[in-house]
Amino acid sequence: MLQRVICLLLGYFAGSLVQAGFWIGKFNHIDIREHGSGNAGTTNTMRTLGKKAGFLTYFLDMFKAVLVAIIIHFVYGNNTGIAEMILILYGGFGVVLGHNFPFYLKFKGGKGIAATSGVVISLFLFPKYCFLFTLLGISTFALVVIISKYVSLGSLVGIAGFFIEFVIWGQIGFLPIPQDQLIESYVVVFLFAALGFIRHSGNISRLIKGTERKIGEKKNNG
C-alpha cells in the first residue's frame, strides 16, 4: 500500500506544479482561467493564446505524466510484489488529480486529458502489445475530431476507449499484470475515465444541446 500512496503523491505534486497552461498564461500576462472556458488546459490555451501556446501546453502536460512513469520505473520496477504497470497507473492518476486540482491555484486546473494521454504514451515502456494503446488512442481521438470537429467528443471517446481496450487486453493476457492484480488495475483505469467524464460534464451537456464549439468556430452561445 505504501508504494501506491507514494506513487500517487509523486504524481499529484508533479501534475500540480507543472501547470503548463497557467504558467504560459502568466508569461503572457494573463490568468488563462479568466479567459475563454476558464480552463487551464490545452484547448482553452490554444483558443486564447494561439496554436504554439496550445501545443506547448499539451506537450508539457503530457510529458509530466511520462516523466513520473519513468521515475517510478527506475525507482520501483518489478521489485515490490506489485506490477510495475499498476504503480505507474497510480502515479499517472496522481498527475491527473494534480493537474485538475492544483493545491496552490485553489484547486482550479484543467480537465486532465493531456495528462491522461501521457499515461497512455508511457505504456510504451512495456513489452508485448501495450504500444497499441498509444496507437489506438491517437487514431481514435484524431478520427473522431476530424469527423465531428469536436475536441471534447474526441477526448471522451478516447478515454472511454482506453478503459475498454485495457480491460480487453487484460482479459486476453496482453498486460504484464498478474491475474490477482487485474481487477485493481481495471479500477484505477476506470477512475481515469470517470474523472474525465465528470470534468467534461459541461461539454457533454453542450454536445447534447448542439451548442458545443467546433474547431475553428468563433465563440457564440457555447
Protein backbone atom coordinates (compact mmCIF):
# COMPACT_ATOMS: atom_id res chain seq x y z
CA MET A 1 0.00 0.00 0.00
CA LEU A 2 2.84 2.43 0.84
CA GLN A 3 4.25 2.23 -2.70
CA ARG A 4 0.84 3.05 -4.15
CA VAL A 5 0.47 6.10 -1.91
CA ILE A 6 4.00 7.31 -2.72
CA CYS A 7 3.37 7.00 -6.47
CA LEU A 8 0.03 8.78 -6.13
CA LEU A 9 1.59 11.66 -4.18
CA LEU A 10 4.56 11.90 -6.56
CA GLY A 11 2.12 12.16 -9.44
CA TYR A 12 -0.06 14.72 -7.66
CA PHE A 13 2.79 17.12 -6.96
CA ALA A 14 4.19 16.74 -10.49
CA GLY A 15 0.76 17.28 -12.01
CA SER A 16 0.04 20.23 -9.78
CA LEU A 17 3.36 22.08 -10.04
CA VAL A 18 3.77 21.67 -13.81
CA GLN A 19 0.56 23.56 -14.63
CA ALA A 20 1.56 24.46 -18.17
CA GLY A 21 -1.48 26.46 -19.30
CA PHE A 22 -1.42 28.59 -16.18
CA TRP A 23 2.30 29.39 -16.39
CA ILE A 24 2.20 30.06 -20.13
CA GLY A 25 -0.70 32.39 -19.47
CA LYS A 26 1.29 34.18 -16.77
CA PHE A 27 4.17 34.55 -19.21
CA ASN A 28 1.69 36.32 -21.48
CA HIS A 29 0.47 38.47 -18.55
CA ILE A 30 -2.93 36.79 -18.14
CA ASP A 31 -4.57 34.19 -15.94
CA ILE A 32 -5.73 31.68 -18.55
CA ARG A 33 -8.52 30.62 -16.19
CA GLU A 34 -10.13 34.04 -16.57
CA HIS A 35 -10.44 33.68 -20.33
CA GLY A 36 -12.44 31.50 -22.69
CA SER A 37 -13.83 28.43 -20.97
CA GLY A 38 -11.97 29.23 -17.74
CA ASN A 39 -9.97 26.03 -18.08
CA ALA A 40 -6.19 25.78 -17.72
CA GLY A 41 -5.81 23.03 -20.32
CA THR A 42 -4.65 22.71 -23.90
CA THR A 43 -7.82 23.60 -25.78
CA ASN A 44 -8.54 26.83 -23.89
CA THR A 45 -4.88 27.88 -24.07
CA MET A 46 -4.88 27.30 -27.82
CA ARG A 47 -8.09 29.27 -28.32
CA THR A 48 -6.89 32.11 -26.10
CA LEU A 49 -3.18 32.37 -26.92
CA GLY A 50 -2.80 30.56 -30.24
CA LYS A 51 -1.60 27.23 -31.60
CA LYS A 52 2.01 27.47 -30.41
CA ALA A 53 0.94 28.09 -26.83
CA GLY A 54 -1.63 25.30 -27.10
CA PHE A 55 0.82 22.74 -28.45
CA LEU A 56 3.41 23.68 -25.82
CA THR A 57 0.77 23.31 -23.12
CA TYR A 58 -0.18 19.88 -24.41
CA PHE A 59 3.44 18.70 -24.60
CA LEU A 60 4.31 19.81 -21.07
CA ASP A 61 1.11 18.43 -19.54
CA MET A 62 1.59 15.16 -21.38
CA PHE A 63 5.29 14.88 -20.59
CA LYS A 64 4.84 15.29 -16.82
CA ALA A 65 2.90 12.01 -16.80
CA VAL A 66 5.60 10.31 -18.88
CA LEU A 67 8.30 11.66 -16.54
CA VAL A 68 6.51 10.31 -13.47
CA ALA A 69 6.22 6.91 -15.18
CA ILE A 70 9.95 6.90 -15.92
CA ILE A 71 10.79 7.81 -12.31
CA ILE A 72 8.56 5.02 -11.00
CA HIS A 73 10.11 2.60 -13.48
CA PHE A 74 13.64 3.28 -12.22
CA VAL A 75 12.75 3.54 -8.51
CA TYR A 76 10.49 0.50 -8.24
CA GLY A 77 10.46 -1.57 -11.43
CA ASN A 78 9.08 -5.02 -10.64
CA ASN A 79 10.80 -5.28 -7.26
CA THR A 80 7.85 -4.59 -4.95
CA GLY A 81 5.47 -7.51 -5.43
CA ILE A 82 3.13 -5.11 -7.23
CA ALA A 83 3.05 -4.99 -11.02
CA GLU A 84 5.06 -2.01 -12.26
CA MET A 85 2.24 -1.03 -14.57
CA ILE A 86 -0.13 -0.66 -11.62
CA LEU A 87 2.29 1.66 -9.82
CA ILE A 88 2.62 3.72 -12.99
CA LEU A 89 -1.17 3.91 -13.23
CA TYR A 90 -1.32 5.20 -9.65
CA GLY A 91 1.38 7.75 -10.44
CA GLY A 92 -0.46 8.77 -13.60
CA PHE A 93 -3.76 9.15 -11.79
CA GLY A 94 -1.96 11.34 -9.26
CA VAL A 95 -0.73 13.50 -12.16
CA VAL A 96 -4.29 13.90 -13.43
CA LEU A 97 -5.54 14.81 -9.96
CA GLY A 98 -2.76 17.36 -9.55
CA HIS A 99 -3.43 18.80 -12.99
CA ASN A 100 -7.16 19.08 -12.36
CA PHE A 101 -6.95 20.24 -8.73
CA PRO A 102 -3.64 22.09 -8.12
CA PHE A 103 -3.36 22.94 -4.43
CA TYR A 104 -1.77 26.37 -4.95
CA LEU A 105 -4.37 27.51 -7.52
CA LYS A 106 -7.38 26.95 -5.27
CA PHE A 107 -7.81 23.50 -6.89
CA LYS A 108 -8.84 25.04 -10.21
CA GLY A 109 -6.85 23.49 -13.06
CA GLY A 110 -7.53 21.61 -16.29
CA LYS A 111 -9.54 18.56 -17.31
CA GLY A 112 -6.71 16.02 -17.40
CA ILE A 113 -6.90 14.76 -20.97
CA ALA A 114 -3.34 15.73 -21.93
CA ALA A 115 -2.04 14.22 -18.69
CA THR A 116 -4.05 11.05 -19.31
CA SER A 117 -2.60 10.79 -22.81
CA GLY A 118 0.85 10.95 -21.20
CA VAL A 119 -0.04 7.93 -19.09
CA VAL A 120 -1.14 6.07 -22.21
CA ILE A 121 2.06 7.04 -24.03
CA SER A 122 4.14 5.85 -21.06
CA LEU A 123 2.85 2.32 -21.66
CA PHE A 124 5.45 2.18 -24.43
CA LEU A 125 7.75 1.22 -21.54
CA PHE A 126 6.19 -2.22 -21.53
CA PRO A 127 6.65 -5.16 -23.91
CA LYS A 128 4.04 -7.19 -25.76
CA TYR A 129 1.18 -5.20 -27.25
CA CYS A 130 0.97 -2.23 -24.87
CA PHE A 131 2.20 0.18 -27.55
CA LEU A 132 -1.15 -0.36 -29.26
CA PHE A 133 -2.83 1.69 -26.52
CA THR A 134 -0.99 4.73 -27.82
CA LEU A 135 -1.60 3.99 -31.50
CA LEU A 136 -5.29 3.21 -30.99
CA GLY A 137 -5.75 6.20 -28.69
CA ILE A 138 -4.18 8.68 -31.10
CA SER A 139 -6.02 7.29 -34.12
CA THR A 140 -9.37 7.18 -32.29
CA PHE A 141 -9.04 10.73 -30.97
CA ALA A 142 -7.91 12.08 -34.35
CA LEU A 143 -10.64 10.27 -36.30
CA VAL A 144 -13.45 11.47 -34.02
CA VAL A 145 -12.17 15.06 -34.02
CA ILE A 146 -11.68 15.11 -37.81
CA ILE A 147 -15.19 13.78 -38.42
CA SER A 148 -17.07 15.68 -35.71
CA LYS A 149 -14.85 18.79 -35.30
CA TYR A 150 -15.37 18.46 -31.54
CA VAL A 151 -12.21 18.16 -29.44
CA SER A 152 -14.27 17.32 -26.37
CA LEU A 153 -16.00 14.42 -28.13
CA GLY A 154 -12.65 13.06 -29.29
CA SER A 155 -11.36 13.29 -25.72
CA LEU A 156 -14.39 11.48 -24.28
CA VAL A 157 -14.30 8.70 -26.86
CA GLY A 158 -10.54 8.39 -26.35
CA ILE A 159 -10.66 7.91 -22.57
CA ALA A 160 -13.64 5.56 -22.80
CA GLY A 161 -11.77 3.57 -25.44
CA PHE A 162 -8.70 3.39 -23.21
CA PHE A 163 -10.70 1.76 -20.43
CA ILE A 164 -12.40 -0.71 -22.78
CA GLU A 165 -9.13 -1.63 -24.50
CA PHE A 166 -7.35 -2.03 -21.17
CA VAL A 167 -9.93 -4.49 -19.89
CA ILE A 168 -9.88 -6.46 -23.15
CA TRP A 169 -6.07 -6.59 -23.12
CA GLY A 170 -6.12 -7.76 -19.52
CA GLN A 171 -8.66 -10.48 -20.14
CA ILE A 172 -6.76 -11.96 -23.06
CA GLY A 173 -3.42 -11.84 -21.25
CA PHE A 174 -1.71 -8.98 -23.09
CA LEU A 175 -0.88 -7.00 -19.92
CA PRO A 176 2.22 -7.56 -17.72
CA ILE A 177 -0.03 -7.78 -14.66
CA PRO A 178 -0.62 -10.90 -12.53
CA GLN A 179 -4.13 -12.32 -12.62
CA ASP A 180 -4.78 -11.44 -8.97
CA GLN A 181 -3.97 -7.76 -9.60
CA LEU A 182 -6.01 -7.25 -12.76
CA ILE A 183 -9.18 -6.04 -11.04
CA GLU A 184 -7.21 -3.39 -9.17
CA SER A 185 -5.73 -2.14 -12.45
CA TYR A 186 -9.20 -2.04 -14.05
CA VAL A 187 -10.48 0.06 -11.16
CA VAL A 188 -7.66 2.60 -11.50
CA VAL A 189 -8.15 2.93 -15.27
CA PHE A 190 -11.91 3.27 -14.71
CA LEU A 191 -11.16 6.20 -12.38
CA PHE A 192 -9.26 7.91 -15.23
CA ALA A 193 -12.31 7.58 -17.48
CA ALA A 194 -14.83 8.52 -14.79
CA LEU A 195 -12.91 11.65 -13.78
CA GLY A 196 -12.55 12.63 -17.44
CA PHE A 197 -16.30 12.39 -17.97
CA ILE A 198 -17.03 14.30 -14.76
CA ARG A 199 -14.66 17.10 -15.77
CA HIS A 200 -16.34 17.24 -19.18
CA SER A 201 -19.89 17.37 -17.81
CA GLY A 202 -20.38 20.87 -19.20
CA ASN A 203 -19.10 19.78 -22.62
CA ILE A 204 -21.39 16.75 -22.58
CA SER A 205 -24.37 19.00 -21.86
CA ARG A 206 -23.43 21.32 -24.72
CA LEU A 207 -22.86 18.40 -27.08
CA ILE A 208 -26.36 17.15 -26.33
CA LYS A 209 -27.81 20.64 -26.86
CA GLY A 210 -25.75 21.20 -30.01
CA THR A 211 -24.05 24.30 -28.60
CA GLU A 212 -20.53 22.90 -28.12
CA ARG A 213 -17.89 24.85 -30.06
CA LYS A 214 -16.30 23.11 -33.01
CA ILE A 215 -12.70 23.54 -34.10
CA GLY A 216 -12.27 26.98 -35.67
CA GLU A 217 -15.72 28.14 -34.61
CA LYS A 218 -15.94 31.55 -33.03
CA LYS A 219 -17.49 31.80 -29.59
CA ASN A 220 -21.22 32.45 -29.62
CA ASN A 221 -23.79 30.82 -27.39
CA GLY A 222 -21.48 27.89 -26.43
